[in-house]
Amino acid sequence: MLVCNCTTPAQYFHLLRRQMYGGRDRRGTRKPLVIFTPKSLLRHPRAVSTLHDFSTGGFLEMLPDTLVGDPQAVSRVVFCSGKVYYDLLAAREERQAGHVALARVEQLYPFAADQAAEMLGAYPDTAELLWAQEEPRNMGPWHFIRDQFQGLLKADGRELRYVGRPESASPASGSGKRHQQEQAAIIEDTLAQGAAPALKQVRKKKA
């Protein structure tokens, strides 16, 4: 099957077009397509595409960050999927966090390992790597994505760090205020300069 989470109208259009005319296995059977795109992106002011986006190209399993001025100045690469990208994008612009690159995983399964490796090669080998998601740790694509990156990062010894809600028996907190607080914490941890070293130092002192 195919599991996707599109963040632009053009991506959704090209995905459906690919499904109709190319989404088949070797036996010619059309593969099932699962799309996780939320309805809220239908109204999001930044989830837009130009006519050129519709009329050229095709579906991209991953979308690189085209807004980063100098890729070699990036010290943190954040991989994410879906609506959380726009929350992180707005916060990055507000904070002028040019050290952070935001990469979108538009197709979760099958995982485009070649595209992920190419994307990693555009940034310094010392850049910290994060996966950010809104879902609790035991939900969403975190465990699957972590396994996919392990093989890619084995050579340089880096790891993919998780940023998101802790494990929970419920997919939502049940409180709008608490949800916003948790969302703000995710954004803070994702974009803050040097957040990861600070956390490691605190844990070391407690131990």
N, C-alpha and C. Protein backbone atom coordinates (compact mmCIF):
# COMPACT_ATOMS: atom_id res chain seq x y z
N MET A 1 0.84 -1.20 0.00
CA MET A 1 0.00 0.00 0.00
C MET A 1 0.87 1.25 0.00
N LEU A 2 0.22 2.39 -0.13
CA LEU A 2 0.89 3.69 -0.09
C LEU A 2 0.27 4.50 1.04
N VAL A 3 1.11 5.11 1.87
CA VAL A 3 0.64 5.93 2.98
C VAL A 3 1.26 7.31 2.84
N CYS A 4 0.42 8.34 2.67
CA CYS A 4 0.90 9.68 2.38
C CYS A 4 0.22 10.73 3.26
N ASN A 5 0.88 11.87 3.36
CA ASN A 5 0.34 13.00 4.11
C ASN A 5 0.76 14.28 3.38
N CYS A 6 -0.06 14.73 2.46
CA CYS A 6 0.30 15.85 1.58
C CYS A 6 0.14 17.19 2.30
N THR A 7 1.02 18.13 1.96
CA THR A 7 0.95 19.45 2.60
C THR A 7 0.60 20.56 1.61
N THR A 8 0.46 20.24 0.33
CA THR A 8 0.08 21.27 -0.65
C THR A 8 -0.99 20.70 -1.57
N PRO A 9 -1.85 21.58 -2.13
CA PRO A 9 -2.86 21.11 -3.08
C PRO A 9 -2.25 20.42 -4.30
N ALA A 10 -1.13 20.94 -4.81
CA ALA A 10 -0.50 20.33 -5.98
C ALA A 10 0.01 18.94 -5.67
N GLN A 11 0.54 18.75 -4.49
CA GLN A 11 1.00 17.42 -4.10
C GLN A 11 -0.17 16.43 -4.06
N TYR A 12 -1.29 16.88 -3.54
CA TYR A 12 -2.49 16.04 -3.47
C TYR A 12 -2.97 15.70 -4.89
N PHE A 13 -2.96 16.68 -5.77
CA PHE A 13 -3.38 16.48 -7.15
C PHE A 13 -2.49 15.47 -7.86
N HIS A 14 -1.17 15.66 -7.75
CA HIS A 14 -0.24 14.76 -8.43
C HIS A 14 -0.27 13.36 -7.82
N LEU A 15 -0.54 13.28 -6.51
CA LEU A 15 -0.65 11.97 -5.87
C LEU A 15 -1.84 11.19 -6.42
N LEU A 16 -2.99 11.86 -6.52
CA LEU A 16 -4.18 11.19 -7.07
C LEU A 16 -3.97 10.82 -8.54
N ARG A 17 -3.30 11.67 -9.26
CA ARG A 17 -3.02 11.38 -10.68
C ARG A 17 -2.09 10.18 -10.81
N ARG A 18 -1.10 10.12 -9.95
CA ARG A 18 -0.19 8.96 -9.96
C ARG A 18 -0.92 7.68 -9.58
N GLN A 19 -1.85 7.81 -8.63
CA GLN A 19 -2.61 6.64 -8.19
C GLN A 19 -3.46 6.08 -9.32
N MET A 20 -4.04 6.96 -10.12
CA MET A 20 -4.90 6.52 -11.22
C MET A 20 -4.11 5.90 -12.37
N TYR A 21 -2.94 6.48 -12.66
CA TYR A 21 -2.22 6.06 -13.86
C TYR A 21 -0.92 5.32 -13.60
N GLY A 22 -0.48 5.31 -12.34
CA GLY A 22 0.79 4.63 -12.09
C GLY A 22 0.87 3.88 -10.78
N GLY A 23 -0.16 3.97 -9.95
CA GLY A 23 -0.11 3.34 -8.63
C GLY A 23 -0.47 1.86 -8.67
N ARG A 24 0.33 1.08 -9.38
CA ARG A 24 0.06 -0.35 -9.53
C ARG A 24 1.30 -1.16 -9.17
N ASP A 25 1.07 -2.39 -8.76
CA ASP A 25 2.19 -3.27 -8.48
C ASP A 25 2.59 -4.01 -9.75
N ARG A 26 3.50 -4.95 -9.62
CA ARG A 26 4.02 -5.66 -10.79
C ARG A 26 2.95 -6.51 -11.47
N ARG A 27 1.93 -6.87 -10.76
CA ARG A 27 0.84 -7.67 -11.35
C ARG A 27 -0.22 -6.80 -12.01
N GLY A 28 -0.04 -5.49 -11.94
CA GLY A 28 -1.01 -4.60 -12.55
C GLY A 28 -2.17 -4.24 -11.65
N THR A 29 -2.12 -4.68 -10.39
CA THR A 29 -3.18 -4.38 -9.43
C THR A 29 -2.92 -3.03 -8.77
N ARG A 30 -3.96 -2.19 -8.73
CA ARG A 30 -3.78 -0.87 -8.12
C ARG A 30 -3.59 -1.01 -6.61
N LYS A 31 -2.57 -0.37 -6.08
CA LYS A 31 -2.27 -0.45 -4.66
C LYS A 31 -3.23 0.42 -3.86
N PRO A 32 -3.59 -0.01 -2.66
CA PRO A 32 -4.42 0.85 -1.79
C PRO A 32 -3.64 2.11 -1.41
N LEU A 33 -4.34 3.24 -1.35
CA LEU A 33 -3.72 4.52 -1.00
C LEU A 33 -4.40 5.07 0.25
N VAL A 34 -3.60 5.31 1.28
CA VAL A 34 -4.09 5.89 2.54
C VAL A 34 -3.53 7.30 2.65
N ILE A 35 -4.41 8.29 2.82
CA ILE A 35 -4.01 9.69 2.91
C ILE A 35 -4.41 10.23 4.28
N PHE A 36 -3.44 10.78 5.01
CA PHE A 36 -3.69 11.29 6.36
C PHE A 36 -3.90 12.80 6.40
N THR A 37 -3.93 13.46 5.25
CA THR A 37 -4.03 14.91 5.24
C THR A 37 -5.27 15.40 5.98
N PRO A 38 -5.13 16.29 6.97
CA PRO A 38 -6.28 16.76 7.75
C PRO A 38 -7.11 17.80 7.00
N LYS A 39 -8.36 17.94 7.39
CA LYS A 39 -9.24 18.91 6.75
C LYS A 39 -8.81 20.35 7.01
N SER A 40 -8.08 20.59 8.10
CA SER A 40 -7.70 21.95 8.45
C SER A 40 -6.81 22.59 7.38
N LEU A 41 -6.07 21.78 6.63
CA LEU A 41 -5.22 22.35 5.59
C LEU A 41 -6.03 22.89 4.41
N LEU A 42 -7.30 22.52 4.32
CA LEU A 42 -8.15 23.08 3.28
C LEU A 42 -8.34 24.58 3.47
N ARG A 43 -8.23 25.04 4.71
CA ARG A 43 -8.44 26.45 5.04
C ARG A 43 -7.16 27.18 5.42
N HIS A 44 -6.04 26.48 5.41
CA HIS A 44 -4.80 27.10 5.86
C HIS A 44 -4.30 28.08 4.80
N PRO A 45 -4.01 29.32 5.20
CA PRO A 45 -3.63 30.35 4.21
C PRO A 45 -2.32 30.07 3.49
N ARG A 46 -1.46 29.20 4.06
CA ARG A 46 -0.17 28.94 3.44
C ARG A 46 -0.14 27.62 2.69
N ALA A 47 -1.19 26.83 2.82
CA ALA A 47 -1.26 25.56 2.08
C ALA A 47 -1.85 25.82 0.71
N VAL A 48 -1.07 26.44 -0.15
CA VAL A 48 -1.53 26.85 -1.48
C VAL A 48 -0.51 26.39 -2.52
N SER A 49 -0.96 26.34 -3.79
CA SER A 49 -0.09 25.99 -4.90
C SER A 49 -0.43 26.90 -6.08
N THR A 50 0.55 27.13 -6.94
CA THR A 50 0.34 27.94 -8.13
C THR A 50 -0.15 27.05 -9.27
N LEU A 51 -0.65 27.67 -10.33
CA LEU A 51 -1.06 26.90 -11.51
C LEU A 51 0.13 26.16 -12.10
N HIS A 52 1.30 26.76 -12.01
CA HIS A 52 2.50 26.10 -12.51
C HIS A 52 2.79 24.82 -11.75
N ASP A 53 2.53 24.82 -10.44
CA ASP A 53 2.74 23.63 -9.63
C ASP A 53 1.85 22.48 -10.08
N PHE A 54 0.64 22.81 -10.51
CA PHE A 54 -0.29 21.79 -10.97
C PHE A 54 0.07 21.27 -12.36
N SER A 55 0.54 22.14 -13.20
CA SER A 55 0.73 21.78 -14.61
C SER A 55 2.09 21.17 -14.92
N THR A 56 3.02 21.21 -13.98
CA THR A 56 4.35 20.65 -14.21
C THR A 56 4.72 19.70 -13.08
N GLY A 57 5.69 18.85 -13.36
CA GLY A 57 6.22 17.96 -12.34
C GLY A 57 5.27 16.84 -11.95
N GLY A 58 5.49 16.30 -10.78
CA GLY A 58 4.68 15.20 -10.27
C GLY A 58 4.78 15.13 -8.77
N PHE A 59 4.26 14.07 -8.20
CA PHE A 59 4.28 13.91 -6.75
C PHE A 59 5.70 13.65 -6.26
N LEU A 60 6.07 14.35 -5.18
CA LEU A 60 7.38 14.18 -4.56
C LEU A 60 7.22 13.53 -3.20
N GLU A 61 7.91 12.43 -3.00
CA GLU A 61 7.80 11.71 -1.72
C GLU A 61 8.34 12.52 -0.56
N MET A 62 9.28 13.41 -0.84
CA MET A 62 9.82 14.30 0.19
C MET A 62 9.98 15.70 -0.41
N LEU A 63 9.75 16.70 0.42
CA LEU A 63 9.90 18.09 -0.01
C LEU A 63 11.03 18.73 0.78
N PRO A 64 12.11 19.14 0.11
CA PRO A 64 13.21 19.79 0.81
C PRO A 64 12.85 21.20 1.22
N ASP A 65 13.66 21.76 2.08
CA ASP A 65 13.45 23.14 2.53
C ASP A 65 14.10 24.07 1.51
N THR A 66 13.27 24.76 0.73
CA THR A 66 13.78 25.68 -0.29
C THR A 66 13.93 27.11 0.24
N LEU A 67 13.58 27.33 1.51
CA LEU A 67 13.63 28.67 2.08
C LEU A 67 14.90 28.94 2.88
N VAL A 68 15.73 27.92 3.04
CA VAL A 68 16.98 28.09 3.78
C VAL A 68 17.99 28.80 2.89
N GLY A 69 18.57 29.88 3.41
CA GLY A 69 19.50 30.66 2.61
C GLY A 69 20.78 29.91 2.30
N ASP A 70 21.47 29.42 3.33
CA ASP A 70 22.73 28.72 3.17
C ASP A 70 22.63 27.36 3.86
N PRO A 71 22.49 26.27 3.10
CA PRO A 71 22.36 24.95 3.72
C PRO A 71 23.54 24.59 4.63
N GLN A 72 24.74 25.10 4.31
CA GLN A 72 25.90 24.77 5.13
C GLN A 72 25.90 25.48 6.48
N ALA A 73 25.00 26.45 6.65
CA ALA A 73 24.87 27.15 7.93
C ALA A 73 23.83 26.49 8.84
N VAL A 74 23.20 25.45 8.34
CA VAL A 74 22.17 24.76 9.11
C VAL A 74 22.81 23.86 10.16
N SER A 75 22.35 23.98 11.39
CA SER A 75 22.86 23.15 12.48
C SER A 75 21.82 22.16 12.98
N ARG A 76 20.60 22.24 12.43
CA ARG A 76 19.54 21.32 12.84
C ARG A 76 18.60 21.08 11.67
N VAL A 77 18.37 19.81 11.36
CA VAL A 77 17.45 19.42 10.30
C VAL A 77 16.27 18.72 10.94
N VAL A 78 15.08 19.28 10.72
CA VAL A 78 13.86 18.74 11.32
C VAL A 78 13.03 18.07 10.23
N PHE A 79 12.80 16.78 10.39
CA PHE A 79 11.90 16.06 9.50
C PHE A 79 10.52 16.01 10.15
N CYS A 80 9.49 16.24 9.36
CA CYS A 80 8.13 16.23 9.87
C CYS A 80 7.19 15.83 8.75
N SER A 81 5.92 15.69 9.08
CA SER A 81 4.93 15.31 8.07
C SER A 81 3.60 15.94 8.42
N GLY A 82 2.96 16.53 7.41
CA GLY A 82 1.62 17.06 7.62
C GLY A 82 1.56 18.46 8.18
N LYS A 83 0.47 18.73 8.91
CA LYS A 83 0.12 20.07 9.35
C LYS A 83 1.16 20.71 10.27
N VAL A 84 1.87 19.91 11.04
CA VAL A 84 2.83 20.48 11.98
C VAL A 84 3.91 21.28 11.26
N TYR A 85 4.13 20.99 9.99
CA TYR A 85 5.13 21.75 9.22
C TYR A 85 4.79 23.24 9.22
N TYR A 86 3.53 23.59 9.01
CA TYR A 86 3.15 25.00 8.93
C TYR A 86 3.28 25.68 10.29
N ASP A 87 3.04 24.97 11.37
CA ASP A 87 3.25 25.54 12.70
C ASP A 87 4.73 25.84 12.92
N LEU A 88 5.58 24.90 12.53
CA LEU A 88 7.02 25.09 12.69
C LEU A 88 7.54 26.19 11.76
N LEU A 89 6.99 26.26 10.56
CA LEU A 89 7.41 27.28 9.61
C LEU A 89 7.10 28.68 10.12
N ALA A 90 5.90 28.88 10.66
CA ALA A 90 5.52 30.18 11.19
C ALA A 90 6.39 30.56 12.38
N ALA A 91 6.66 29.60 13.25
CA ALA A 91 7.50 29.88 14.42
C ALA A 91 8.93 30.16 14.01
N ARG A 92 9.44 29.46 13.01
CA ARG A 92 10.81 29.71 12.55
C ARG A 92 10.95 31.11 11.98
N GLU A 93 9.97 31.56 11.23
CA GLU A 93 10.02 32.90 10.65
C GLU A 93 9.91 33.96 11.75
N GLU A 94 9.08 33.71 12.74
CA GLU A 94 8.92 34.67 13.84
C GLU A 94 10.21 34.80 14.64
N ARG A 95 10.90 33.67 14.84
CA ARG A 95 12.13 33.69 15.64
C ARG A 95 13.37 33.93 14.79
N GLN A 96 13.20 33.93 13.47
CA GLN A 96 14.33 34.06 12.56
C GLN A 96 15.38 32.99 12.84
N ALA A 97 14.90 31.77 13.00
CA ALA A 97 15.77 30.64 13.32
C ALA A 97 16.34 30.05 12.04
N GLY A 98 17.30 30.77 11.46
CA GLY A 98 17.88 30.33 10.20
C GLY A 98 18.74 29.10 10.31
N HIS A 99 19.04 28.65 11.53
CA HIS A 99 19.87 27.46 11.70
C HIS A 99 19.07 26.18 11.55
N VAL A 100 17.75 26.29 11.39
CA VAL A 100 16.86 25.12 11.32
C VAL A 100 16.34 24.95 9.90
N ALA A 101 16.45 23.73 9.38
CA ALA A 101 15.86 23.37 8.10
C ALA A 101 14.68 22.44 8.34
N LEU A 102 13.59 22.66 7.61
CA LEU A 102 12.38 21.87 7.78
C LEU A 102 12.16 21.01 6.53
N ALA A 103 12.26 19.72 6.69
CA ALA A 103 12.07 18.78 5.59
C ALA A 103 10.76 18.03 5.78
N ARG A 104 9.96 17.95 4.70
CA ARG A 104 8.65 17.31 4.79
C ARG A 104 8.68 15.90 4.19
N VAL A 105 8.19 14.94 4.96
CA VAL A 105 8.01 13.58 4.46
C VAL A 105 6.57 13.47 3.98
N GLU A 106 6.37 13.50 2.68
CA GLU A 106 5.03 13.47 2.11
C GLU A 106 4.52 12.05 1.91
N GLN A 107 5.42 11.12 1.69
CA GLN A 107 5.04 9.70 1.59
C GLN A 107 5.75 8.95 2.70
N LEU A 108 4.96 8.47 3.65
CA LEU A 108 5.51 7.76 4.79
C LEU A 108 5.88 6.33 4.44
N TYR A 109 5.06 5.70 3.61
CA TYR A 109 5.32 4.32 3.20
C TYR A 109 4.90 4.12 1.76
N PRO A 110 5.73 3.51 0.93
CA PRO A 110 7.11 3.10 1.21
C PRO A 110 8.01 4.32 1.45
N PHE A 111 8.95 4.17 2.34
CA PHE A 111 9.84 5.27 2.70
C PHE A 111 10.85 5.51 1.60
N ALA A 112 10.99 6.76 1.17
CA ALA A 112 11.91 7.12 0.08
C ALA A 112 13.31 7.32 0.66
N ALA A 113 14.02 6.22 0.89
CA ALA A 113 15.33 6.28 1.53
C ALA A 113 16.35 7.04 0.68
N ASP A 114 16.29 6.88 -0.63
CA ASP A 114 17.24 7.57 -1.50
C ASP A 114 17.08 9.09 -1.42
N GLN A 115 15.83 9.53 -1.40
CA GLN A 115 15.58 10.97 -1.30
C GLN A 115 15.99 11.50 0.06
N ALA A 116 15.76 10.71 1.11
CA ALA A 116 16.18 11.13 2.45
C ALA A 116 17.70 11.26 2.54
N ALA A 117 18.42 10.31 1.94
CA ALA A 117 19.88 10.36 1.95
C ALA A 117 20.38 11.56 1.17
N GLU A 118 19.76 11.85 0.05
CA GLU A 118 20.15 13.02 -0.74
C GLU A 118 19.89 14.32 0.02
N MET A 119 18.79 14.35 0.75
CA MET A 119 18.47 15.53 1.53
C MET A 119 19.47 15.73 2.67
N LEU A 120 19.86 14.64 3.32
CA LEU A 120 20.84 14.73 4.40
C LEU A 120 22.19 15.21 3.88
N GLY A 121 22.52 14.82 2.65
CA GLY A 121 23.80 15.21 2.07
C GLY A 121 23.91 16.69 1.77
N ALA A 122 22.79 17.41 1.76
CA ALA A 122 22.82 18.85 1.48
C ALA A 122 23.22 19.67 2.70
N TYR A 123 23.27 19.04 3.87
CA TYR A 123 23.56 19.77 5.10
C TYR A 123 24.83 19.21 5.74
N PRO A 124 25.44 19.96 6.66
CA PRO A 124 26.66 19.49 7.30
C PRO A 124 26.45 18.18 8.05
N ASP A 125 27.50 17.37 8.11
CA ASP A 125 27.43 16.08 8.82
C ASP A 125 27.25 16.27 10.32
N THR A 126 27.52 17.47 10.80
CA THR A 126 27.41 17.74 12.24
C THR A 126 26.01 18.23 12.63
N ALA A 127 25.13 18.40 11.67
CA ALA A 127 23.79 18.92 11.97
C ALA A 127 23.00 17.91 12.80
N GLU A 128 22.30 18.43 13.79
CA GLU A 128 21.44 17.59 14.62
C GLU A 128 20.18 17.24 13.82
N LEU A 129 19.71 16.01 14.00
CA LEU A 129 18.56 15.53 13.24
C LEU A 129 17.40 15.25 14.18
N LEU A 130 16.23 15.80 13.83
CA LEU A 130 15.04 15.65 14.67
C LEU A 130 13.87 15.13 13.84
N TRP A 131 12.98 14.42 14.51
CA TRP A 131 11.66 14.10 13.96
C TRP A 131 10.63 14.77 14.85
N ALA A 132 9.80 15.65 14.29
CA ALA A 132 8.78 16.36 15.06
C ALA A 132 7.40 15.89 14.63
N GLN A 133 6.55 15.60 15.61
CA GLN A 133 5.18 15.21 15.32
C GLN A 133 4.26 15.69 16.43
N GLU A 134 2.97 15.83 16.10
CA GLU A 134 1.98 16.26 17.07
C GLU A 134 1.45 15.10 17.91
N GLU A 135 1.46 13.91 17.35
CA GLU A 135 0.90 12.75 18.04
C GLU A 135 1.76 12.33 19.23
N PRO A 136 1.19 11.63 20.21
CA PRO A 136 2.01 11.09 21.29
C PRO A 136 3.08 10.14 20.76
N ARG A 137 4.08 9.90 21.57
CA ARG A 137 5.24 9.11 21.15
C ARG A 137 4.86 7.71 20.69
N ASN A 138 3.84 7.10 21.33
CA ASN A 138 3.42 5.75 20.96
C ASN A 138 2.40 5.74 19.83
N MET A 139 2.16 6.88 19.22
CA MET A 139 1.24 6.98 18.08
C MET A 139 1.96 7.72 16.95
N GLY A 140 1.29 7.86 15.84
CA GLY A 140 1.92 8.55 14.72
C GLY A 140 3.04 7.71 14.11
N PRO A 141 3.82 8.29 13.21
CA PRO A 141 4.82 7.52 12.46
C PRO A 141 6.20 7.41 13.10
N TRP A 142 6.37 7.90 14.34
CA TRP A 142 7.71 8.00 14.92
C TRP A 142 8.48 6.69 14.88
N HIS A 143 7.93 5.60 15.37
CA HIS A 143 8.69 4.35 15.47
C HIS A 143 9.07 3.83 14.09
N PHE A 144 8.19 3.96 13.13
CA PHE A 144 8.50 3.53 11.77
C PHE A 144 9.60 4.40 11.17
N ILE A 145 9.47 5.71 11.31
CA ILE A 145 10.46 6.63 10.75
C ILE A 145 11.82 6.41 11.40
N ARG A 146 11.85 6.19 12.69
CA ARG A 146 13.13 5.96 13.39
C ARG A 146 13.85 4.75 12.81
N ASP A 147 13.11 3.68 12.56
CA ASP A 147 13.73 2.48 11.99
C ASP A 147 14.27 2.74 10.59
N GLN A 148 13.58 3.56 9.80
CA GLN A 148 14.03 3.85 8.44
C GLN A 148 15.32 4.66 8.44
N PHE A 149 15.47 5.55 9.41
CA PHE A 149 16.66 6.40 9.46
C PHE A 149 17.86 5.70 10.07
N GLN A 150 17.64 4.65 10.81
CA GLN A 150 18.76 3.98 11.47
C GLN A 150 19.80 3.50 10.46
N GLY A 151 19.32 2.93 9.35
CA GLY A 151 20.25 2.46 8.33
C GLY A 151 20.98 3.60 7.65
N LEU A 152 20.31 4.73 7.45
CA LEU A 152 20.93 5.87 6.79
C LEU A 152 21.99 6.54 7.65
N LEU A 153 21.79 6.51 8.96
CA LEU A 153 22.67 7.24 9.87
C LEU A 153 23.72 6.36 10.53
N LYS A 154 23.70 5.08 10.19
CA LYS A 154 24.61 4.15 10.84
C LYS A 154 26.07 4.49 10.56
N ALA A 155 26.35 5.00 9.36
CA ALA A 155 27.74 5.25 8.96
C ALA A 155 28.36 6.41 9.75
N ASP A 156 27.59 7.48 9.98
CA ASP A 156 28.18 8.65 10.64
C ASP A 156 27.89 8.71 12.13
N GLY A 157 27.18 7.73 12.66
CA GLY A 157 26.97 7.64 14.10
C GLY A 157 25.93 8.58 14.66
N ARG A 158 25.21 9.30 13.82
CA ARG A 158 24.18 10.20 14.31
C ARG A 158 22.87 9.45 14.60
N GLU A 159 22.00 10.09 15.36
CA GLU A 159 20.70 9.53 15.67
C GLU A 159 19.61 10.55 15.38
N LEU A 160 18.43 10.05 15.18
CA LEU A 160 17.26 10.91 14.96
C LEU A 160 16.57 11.11 16.30
N ARG A 161 16.49 12.35 16.75
CA ARG A 161 15.88 12.64 18.05
C ARG A 161 14.39 12.92 17.90
N TYR A 162 13.62 12.41 18.83
CA TYR A 162 12.16 12.59 18.81
C TYR A 162 11.77 13.88 19.52
N VAL A 163 10.85 14.63 18.90
CA VAL A 163 10.24 15.80 19.52
C VAL A 163 8.73 15.68 19.35
N GLY A 164 8.03 15.63 20.44
CA GLY A 164 6.58 15.49 20.38
C GLY A 164 6.01 15.21 21.75
N ARG A 165 4.77 14.83 21.78
CA ARG A 165 4.11 14.55 23.04
C ARG A 165 4.60 13.23 23.63
N PRO A 166 4.59 13.10 24.96
CA PRO A 166 4.98 11.82 25.56
C PRO A 166 3.93 10.75 25.28
N GLU A 167 4.24 9.52 25.62
CA GLU A 167 3.31 8.42 25.41
C GLU A 167 1.99 8.69 26.14
N SER A 168 0.91 8.27 25.52
CA SER A 168 -0.41 8.53 26.09
C SER A 168 -1.39 7.45 25.63
N ALA A 169 -2.38 7.17 26.48
CA ALA A 169 -3.43 6.23 26.11
C ALA A 169 -4.50 6.88 25.25
N SER A 170 -4.47 8.23 25.19
CA SER A 170 -5.45 8.98 24.42
C SER A 170 -4.76 9.79 23.33
N PRO A 171 -5.34 9.92 22.15
CA PRO A 171 -4.72 10.70 21.08
C PRO A 171 -4.78 12.21 21.33
N ALA A 172 -5.59 12.66 22.29
CA ALA A 172 -5.72 14.09 22.58
C ALA A 172 -5.83 14.30 24.08
N SER A 173 -5.43 15.50 24.51
CA SER A 173 -5.44 15.80 25.95
C SER A 173 -6.85 16.04 26.48
N GLY A 174 -7.77 16.42 25.61
CA GLY A 174 -9.14 16.71 26.05
C GLY A 174 -9.32 18.14 26.52
N SER A 175 -8.25 18.92 26.51
CA SER A 175 -8.32 20.31 26.94
C SER A 175 -7.66 21.18 25.88
N GLY A 176 -8.39 22.17 25.37
CA GLY A 176 -7.83 23.04 24.36
C GLY A 176 -6.63 23.81 24.86
N LYS A 177 -6.69 24.27 26.12
CA LYS A 177 -5.59 25.04 26.70
C LYS A 177 -4.34 24.18 26.84
N ARG A 178 -4.53 22.97 27.32
CA ARG A 178 -3.38 22.09 27.48
C ARG A 178 -2.81 21.69 26.12
N HIS A 179 -3.68 21.51 25.14
CA HIS A 179 -3.21 21.18 23.80
C HIS A 179 -2.29 22.28 23.27
N GLN A 180 -2.68 23.54 23.46
CA GLN A 180 -1.86 24.65 23.00
C GLN A 180 -0.53 24.72 23.75
N GLN A 181 -0.57 24.41 25.04
CA GLN A 181 0.66 24.40 25.83
C GLN A 181 1.62 23.31 25.33
N GLU A 182 1.06 22.14 25.05
CA GLU A 182 1.89 21.05 24.54
C GLU A 182 2.44 21.38 23.16
N GLN A 183 1.62 22.01 22.33
CA GLN A 183 2.06 22.38 21.00
C GLN A 183 3.18 23.42 21.07
N ALA A 184 3.06 24.36 21.98
CA ALA A 184 4.10 25.38 22.16
C ALA A 184 5.41 24.74 22.63
N ALA A 185 5.30 23.71 23.48
CA ALA A 185 6.50 23.02 23.96
C ALA A 185 7.19 22.28 22.83
N ILE A 186 6.42 21.69 21.92
CA ILE A 186 7.00 21.00 20.76
C ILE A 186 7.76 21.98 19.89
N ILE A 187 7.16 23.12 19.64
CA ILE A 187 7.81 24.14 18.80
C ILE A 187 9.07 24.66 19.47
N GLU A 188 9.00 24.89 20.78
CA GLU A 188 10.16 25.41 21.51
C GLU A 188 11.32 24.42 21.45
N ASP A 189 11.04 23.15 21.68
CA ASP A 189 12.08 22.13 21.68
C ASP A 189 12.65 21.94 20.28
N THR A 190 11.82 22.14 19.26
CA THR A 190 12.26 21.92 17.89
C THR A 190 13.17 23.05 17.40
N LEU A 191 12.86 24.28 17.76
CA LEU A 191 13.55 25.43 17.18
C LEU A 191 14.59 26.06 18.08
N ALA A 192 14.55 25.80 19.37
CA ALA A 192 15.47 26.48 20.29
C ALA A 192 16.91 26.15 19.96
N GLN A 193 17.76 27.16 19.98
CA GLN A 193 19.18 26.98 19.70
C GLN A 193 19.82 26.21 20.84
N GLY A 194 20.40 25.07 20.52
CA GLY A 194 21.13 24.31 21.53
C GLY A 194 20.25 23.64 22.55
N ALA A 195 18.98 23.32 22.20
CA ALA A 195 18.09 22.70 23.17
C ALA A 195 18.55 21.31 23.57
N ALA A 196 19.04 20.53 22.63
CA ALA A 196 19.42 19.15 22.92
C ALA A 196 20.59 19.05 23.90
N PRO A 197 21.71 19.80 23.70
CA PRO A 197 22.80 19.73 24.67
C PRO A 197 22.38 20.13 26.07
N ALA A 198 21.50 21.14 26.19
CA ALA A 198 21.04 21.59 27.51
C ALA A 198 20.28 20.48 28.22
N LEU A 199 19.42 19.77 27.50
CA LEU A 199 18.66 18.68 28.10
C LEU A 199 19.57 17.56 28.56
N LYS A 200 20.59 17.24 27.77
CA LYS A 200 21.51 16.17 28.14
C LYS A 200 22.29 16.54 29.40
N GLN A 201 22.65 17.81 29.53
CA GLN A 201 23.41 18.26 30.71
C GLN A 201 22.55 18.15 31.97
N VAL A 202 21.29 18.52 31.89
CA VAL A 202 20.40 18.43 33.05
C VAL A 202 20.26 16.97 33.49
N ARG A 203 20.06 16.07 32.53
CA ARG A 203 19.90 14.66 32.88
C ARG A 203 21.16 14.11 33.53
N LYS A 204 22.32 14.55 33.05
CA LYS A 204 23.57 14.06 33.60
C LYS A 204 23.71 14.49 35.05
N LYS A 205 23.32 15.73 35.39
CA LYS A 205 23.42 16.22 36.77
C LYS A 205 22.49 15.45 37.68
N LYS A 206 21.27 15.14 37.20
CA LYS A 206 20.31 14.41 38.02
C LYS A 206 20.80 13.01 38.31
N ALA A 207 21.47 12.41 37.33
CA ALA A 207 21.95 11.05 37.50
C ALA A 207 23.05 11.01 38.56
